[in-house]
Each structure stands twice: as structure tokens, then as C-alpha cells.
Amino acid sequence: MVIDKTGDLSGRFPHLKRSNYRICSPESKQYNCISWAAGWTDVFCWPNNLSFWPLTYPCEDTEDAFVKFFAMLGYKPCENENQEKEVEKIALYTQGNRVKHAARQLKNGKWTSKLGSSFDIEHELKDLEGDKYGKVVLYLRRPIQAS
């Protein structure tokens, strides 16, 4: 992902204003947005033959495949992105009928995303919508897991 020298991502994500996000990690190719949403930083997850993906799950980038993937971690679909006490949420972005990105809600109500092989950011949920990731179409929730 190309960014300017000030860390400005607004060229790639027009709704993302410099004052609405913060970079939270160095760049890494070891994990992606799906891994990050799941809470992992040691594996790259995507439904293909080159990444981690459960063999019994559909090897496709559909909403159904990702709902099944996150269900193995205890997530179930829910109505909205509203923050709930004692609940963790994930949002899936799709373009057409294909999942393009996932974000995880933080305890402060903002969201965190891994941007491709780049870095993690804290942001407002809808700020990543656009040509790159599409729109947020699905929310998943589970009770907060003990650390």
C-alpha cells in the first residue's frame, strides 16, 4: 500500500481523514485483515490454497464462507455495529458479492484494521468504504473472550 511521507491514507481511502485514524503498527506481510480481525498476527488467512483456511470450509470469498470461518471462533451475525458491553464485534466489507476486508471493534468503540500487507490502523468503521473494500454489509458478534 502506498502512502505519502506523512502517513496520509486519504488518497487510497477518500473517507479517511488524517484526524480520524491513527497508525498502530509497523508494516507486516505475516498477517492480513482477516487474521487481525480474528486476533492473530502469526498467520495469513484467506480462502485460497496459499493461506490458512479450514479445509472443510468453502474456499471462496463469499459472505457465507467468512461467516463460517468466524463462527469457528464463536462469532454470530448481528444487526449492527453499535458497541455492546461485554461483546466483541467484527464487520465485513464486500464489493459485489465478494468479501474484501474485515475490521474489529475496539473497547473504545472505534475499529481496527490491517491494511493489506501494510500496517494496522484505528479508525471509524465507514471511513474505509469505497473502491478498495466496498461497503460494510455484515456484522458479527461474540462475548468478549478471557485473555
C-alpha atoms as a PDB file:
ATOM      1  CA  MET A   1       0.000   0.000   0.000  1.00  0.00           C
ATOM      2  CA  VAL A   2       1.391   3.359  -0.989  1.00  0.00           C
ATOM      3  CA  ILE A   3       1.090   6.232   1.473  1.00  0.00           C
ATOM      4  CA  ASP A   4       2.686   9.637   1.462  1.00  0.00           C
ATOM      5  CA  LYS A   5       5.561  10.545   3.782  1.00  0.00           C
ATOM      6  CA  THR A   6       3.181  11.949   6.421  1.00  0.00           C
ATOM      7  CA  GLY A   7       1.263   8.663   6.714  1.00  0.00           C
ATOM      8  CA  ASP A   8      -1.764  10.066   4.848  1.00  0.00           C
ATOM      9  CA  LEU A   9      -4.049   7.326   3.513  1.00  0.00           C
ATOM     10  CA  SER A  10      -6.781   9.603   2.162  1.00  0.00           C
ATOM     11  CA  GLY A  11      -5.639   9.056  -1.434  1.00  0.00           C
ATOM     12  CA  ARG A  12      -6.421   5.351  -1.080  1.00  0.00           C
ATOM     13  CA  PHE A  13      -9.481   5.789   1.175  1.00  0.00           C
ATOM     14  CA  PRO A  14     -11.254   9.087   0.377  1.00  0.00           C
ATOM     15  CA  HIS A  15     -13.458   8.991   3.513  1.00  0.00           C
ATOM     16  CA  LEU A  16     -10.432   8.509   5.761  1.00  0.00           C
ATOM     17  CA  LYS A  17      -9.278  11.865   7.083  1.00  0.00           C
ATOM     18  CA  ARG A  18      -5.906  12.161   8.837  1.00  0.00           C
ATOM     19  CA  SER A  19      -7.632  13.308  12.035  1.00  0.00           C
ATOM     20  CA  ASN A  20      -9.892  10.210  12.113  1.00  0.00           C
ATOM     21  CA  TYR A  21      -7.310   7.436  12.190  1.00  0.00           C
ATOM     22  CA  ARG A  22      -4.028   6.510  13.748  1.00  0.00           C
ATOM     23  CA  ILE A  23      -1.365   4.063  12.607  1.00  0.00           C
ATOM     24  CA  CYS A  24      -0.843   1.424  15.302  1.00  0.00           C
ATOM     25  CA  SER A  25       1.818  -0.966  13.970  1.00  0.00           C
ATOM     26  CA  PRO A  26       4.716  -1.312  11.590  1.00  0.00           C
ATOM     27  CA  GLU A  27       4.077  -2.896   8.201  1.00  0.00           C
ATOM     28  CA  SER A  28       3.903  -6.697   8.131  1.00  0.00           C
ATOM     29  CA  LYS A  29       3.255  -9.309   5.449  1.00  0.00           C
ATOM     30  CA  GLN A  30       2.869 -12.063   8.061  1.00  0.00           C
ATOM     31  CA  TYR A  31      -0.872 -11.493   8.612  1.00  0.00           C
ATOM     32  CA  ASN A  32      -3.823  -9.769   6.944  1.00  0.00           C
ATOM     33  CA  CYS A  33      -7.146  -8.140   7.859  1.00  0.00           C
ATOM     34  CA  ILE A  34      -8.924 -11.457   8.424  1.00  0.00           C
ATOM     35  CA  SER A  35      -6.188 -12.666  10.768  1.00  0.00           C
ATOM     36  CA  TRP A  36      -6.159  -9.298  12.551  1.00  0.00           C
ATOM     37  CA  ALA A  37      -9.953  -9.327  12.969  1.00  0.00           C
ATOM     38  CA  ALA A  38      -9.608 -12.822  14.465  1.00  0.00           C
ATOM     39  CA  GLY A  39      -6.922 -11.543  16.849  1.00  0.00           C
ATOM     40  CA  TRP A  40      -3.981 -13.312  15.190  1.00  0.00           C
ATOM     41  CA  THR A  41      -0.677 -11.853  13.992  1.00  0.00           C
ATOM     42  CA  ASP A  42       1.175 -15.049  13.092  1.00  0.00           C
ATOM     43  CA  VAL A  43      -0.808 -16.365  10.123  1.00  0.00           C
ATOM     44  CA  PHE A  44      -2.278 -15.044   6.874  1.00  0.00           C
ATOM     45  CA  CYS A  45      -5.936 -16.119   6.467  1.00  0.00           C
ATOM     46  CA  TRP A  46      -7.749 -16.171   3.157  1.00  0.00           C
ATOM     47  CA  PRO A  47      -9.836 -18.773   1.304  1.00  0.00           C
ATOM     48  CA  ASN A  48      -7.217 -19.985  -1.147  1.00  0.00           C
ATOM     49  CA  ASN A  49      -4.589 -22.711  -1.316  1.00  0.00           C
ATOM     50  CA  LEU A  50      -1.746 -20.400  -0.237  1.00  0.00           C
ATOM     51  CA  SER A  51      -3.107 -19.247   3.135  1.00  0.00           C
ATOM     52  CA  PHE A  52      -4.595 -20.652   6.311  1.00  0.00           C
ATOM     53  CA  TRP A  53      -8.222 -21.656   5.744  1.00  0.00           C
ATOM     54  CA  PRO A  54     -10.043 -24.629   7.271  1.00  0.00           C
ATOM     55  CA  LEU A  55     -10.192 -27.461   4.735  1.00  0.00           C
ATOM     56  CA  THR A  56     -13.861 -28.174   5.415  1.00  0.00           C
ATOM     57  CA  TYR A  57     -14.965 -24.585   4.719  1.00  0.00           C
ATOM     58  CA  PRO A  58     -15.830 -23.216   1.280  1.00  0.00           C
ATOM     59  CA  CYS A  59     -12.673 -21.959  -0.410  1.00  0.00           C
ATOM     60  CA  GLU A  60     -14.369 -18.838  -1.723  1.00  0.00           C
ATOM     61  CA  ASP A  61     -14.524 -15.185  -0.760  1.00  0.00           C
ATOM     62  CA  THR A  62     -18.286 -15.120  -0.119  1.00  0.00           C
ATOM     63  CA  GLU A  63     -20.077 -13.802   2.949  1.00  0.00           C
ATOM     64  CA  ASP A  64     -21.177 -17.345   3.766  1.00  0.00           C
ATOM     65  CA  ALA A  65     -17.592 -18.652   3.772  1.00  0.00           C
ATOM     66  CA  PHE A  66     -16.435 -15.869   6.110  1.00  0.00           C
ATOM     67  CA  VAL A  67     -19.436 -16.274   8.416  1.00  0.00           C
ATOM     68  CA  LYS A  68     -18.461 -19.956   8.760  1.00  0.00           C
ATOM     69  CA  PHE A  69     -14.819 -19.030   9.350  1.00  0.00           C
ATOM     70  CA  PHE A  70     -15.639 -16.570  12.128  1.00  0.00           C
ATOM     71  CA  ALA A  71     -18.279 -18.947  13.574  1.00  0.00           C
ATOM     72  CA  MET A  72     -15.430 -21.333  14.436  1.00  0.00           C
ATOM     73  CA  LEU A  73     -14.203 -18.511  16.724  1.00  0.00           C
ATOM     74  CA  GLY A  74     -17.624 -18.060  18.319  1.00  0.00           C
ATOM     75  CA  TYR A  75     -18.948 -15.157  16.215  1.00  0.00           C
ATOM     76  CA  LYS A  76     -22.562 -14.988  15.055  1.00  0.00           C
ATOM     77  CA  PRO A  77     -24.240 -12.468  12.741  1.00  0.00           C
ATOM     78  CA  CYS A  78     -25.843  -9.469  14.429  1.00  0.00           C
ATOM     79  CA  GLU A  79     -27.890  -6.441  13.434  1.00  0.00           C
ATOM     80  CA  ASN A  80     -25.491  -3.501  13.692  1.00  0.00           C
ATOM     81  CA  GLU A  81     -22.114  -2.058  14.641  1.00  0.00           C
ATOM     82  CA  ASN A  82     -23.303  -0.485  17.889  1.00  0.00           C
ATOM     83  CA  GLN A  83     -20.939  -1.127  20.743  1.00  0.00           C
ATOM     84  CA  GLU A  84     -22.267  -3.540  23.355  1.00  0.00           C
ATOM     85  CA  LYS A  85     -20.965  -4.228  26.837  1.00  0.00           C
ATOM     86  CA  GLU A  86     -19.005  -7.498  27.102  1.00  0.00           C
ATOM     87  CA  VAL A  87     -19.230  -8.107  23.316  1.00  0.00           C
ATOM     88  CA  GLU A  88     -16.605  -8.136  20.543  1.00  0.00           C
ATOM     89  CA  LYS A  89     -17.679  -7.281  17.008  1.00  0.00           C
ATOM     90  CA  ILE A  90     -16.305  -7.774  13.510  1.00  0.00           C
ATOM     91  CA  ALA A  91     -17.525  -6.013  10.369  1.00  0.00           C
ATOM     92  CA  LEU A  92     -17.161  -7.450   6.865  1.00  0.00           C
ATOM     93  CA  TYR A  93     -16.763  -5.200   3.825  1.00  0.00           C
ATOM     94  CA  THR A  94     -17.854  -6.511   0.452  1.00  0.00           C
ATOM     95  CA  GLN A  95     -17.649  -5.380  -3.123  1.00  0.00           C
ATOM     96  CA  GLY A  96     -20.185  -7.051  -5.352  1.00  0.00           C
ATOM     97  CA  ASN A  97     -20.723 -10.362  -3.582  1.00  0.00           C
ATOM     98  CA  ARG A  98     -17.089 -10.782  -2.571  1.00  0.00           C
ATOM     99  CA  VAL A  99     -15.623 -10.115   0.863  1.00  0.00           C
ATOM    100  CA  LYS A 100     -12.728  -7.671   0.593  1.00  0.00           C
ATOM    101  CA  HIS A 101     -11.946  -6.675   4.191  1.00  0.00           C
ATOM    102  CA  ALA A 102     -12.697  -7.220   7.867  1.00  0.00           C
ATOM    103  CA  ALA A 103     -12.381  -4.846  10.815  1.00  0.00           C
ATOM    104  CA  ARG A 104     -12.618  -5.492  14.574  1.00  0.00           C
ATOM    105  CA  GLN A 105     -14.241  -3.193  17.102  1.00  0.00           C
ATOM    106  CA  LEU A 106     -12.059  -1.928  19.927  1.00  0.00           C
ATOM    107  CA  LYS A 107     -13.103  -1.375  23.533  1.00  0.00           C
ATOM    108  CA  ASN A 108     -13.196   2.391  22.907  1.00  0.00           C
ATOM    109  CA  GLY A 109     -15.846   1.915  20.174  1.00  0.00           C
ATOM    110  CA  LYS A 110     -13.505   2.658  17.258  1.00  0.00           C
ATOM    111  CA  TRP A 111     -12.423  -0.030  14.812  1.00  0.00           C
ATOM    112  CA  THR A 112      -9.073  -1.565  13.939  1.00  0.00           C
ATOM    113  CA  SER A 113      -7.994  -2.853  10.542  1.00  0.00           C
ATOM    114  CA  LYS A 114      -4.941  -4.392   8.954  1.00  0.00           C
ATOM    115  CA  LEU A 115      -4.481  -2.721   5.585  1.00  0.00           C
ATOM    116  CA  GLY A 116      -3.243  -5.445   3.249  1.00  0.00           C
ATOM    117  CA  SER A 117       0.460  -6.114   3.853  1.00  0.00           C
ATOM    118  CA  SER A 118       0.790  -2.659   5.342  1.00  0.00           C
ATOM    119  CA  PHE A 119       0.024  -1.653   8.935  1.00  0.00           C
ATOM    120  CA  ASP A 120      -2.845  -1.704  11.403  1.00  0.00           C
ATOM    121  CA  ILE A 121      -4.894   1.436  11.956  1.00  0.00           C
ATOM    122  CA  GLU A 122      -7.551   2.585  14.398  1.00  0.00           C
ATOM    123  CA  HIS A 123     -10.422   4.248  12.506  1.00  0.00           C
ATOM    124  CA  GLU A 124     -14.129   4.960  12.182  1.00  0.00           C
ATOM    125  CA  LEU A 125     -15.934   1.998  10.626  1.00  0.00           C
ATOM    126  CA  LYS A 126     -17.375   3.611   7.477  1.00  0.00           C
ATOM    127  CA  ASP A 127     -14.167   5.533   6.699  1.00  0.00           C
ATOM    128  CA  LEU A 128     -12.722   2.573   4.758  1.00  0.00           C
ATOM    129  CA  GLU A 129     -15.748   2.229   2.482  1.00  0.00           C
ATOM    130  CA  GLY A 130     -15.077   2.935  -1.182  1.00  0.00           C
ATOM    131  CA  ASP A 131     -13.489   1.463  -4.300  1.00  0.00           C
ATOM    132  CA  LYS A 132     -10.867  -0.590  -2.423  1.00  0.00           C
ATOM    133  CA  TYR A 133     -13.034  -2.515   0.097  1.00  0.00           C
ATOM    134  CA  GLY A 134     -16.625  -1.780  -0.915  1.00  0.00           C
ATOM    135  CA  LYS A 135     -19.208  -1.317   1.845  1.00  0.00           C
ATOM    136  CA  VAL A 136     -19.782  -2.752   5.302  1.00  0.00           C
ATOM    137  CA  VAL A 137     -22.571  -5.274   4.852  1.00  0.00           C
ATOM    138  CA  LEU A 138     -22.338  -7.716   7.735  1.00  0.00           C
ATOM    139  CA  TYR A 139     -21.644  -7.563  11.458  1.00  0.00           C
ATOM    140  CA  LEU A 140     -20.643 -10.458  13.685  1.00  0.00           C
ATOM    141  CA  ARG A 141     -20.533 -10.608  17.491  1.00  0.00           C
ATOM    142  CA  ARG A 142     -19.375 -12.860  20.320  1.00  0.00           C
ATOM    143  CA  PRO A 143     -18.963 -12.490  24.068  1.00  0.00           C
ATOM    144  CA  ILE A 144     -15.588 -10.979  24.995  1.00  0.00           C
ATOM    145  CA  GLN A 145     -13.039 -13.762  25.390  1.00  0.00           C
ATOM    146  CA  ALA A 146     -10.897 -14.001  28.515  1.00  0.00           C
ATOM    147  CA  SER A 147      -7.259 -13.135  27.800  1.00  0.00           C
END
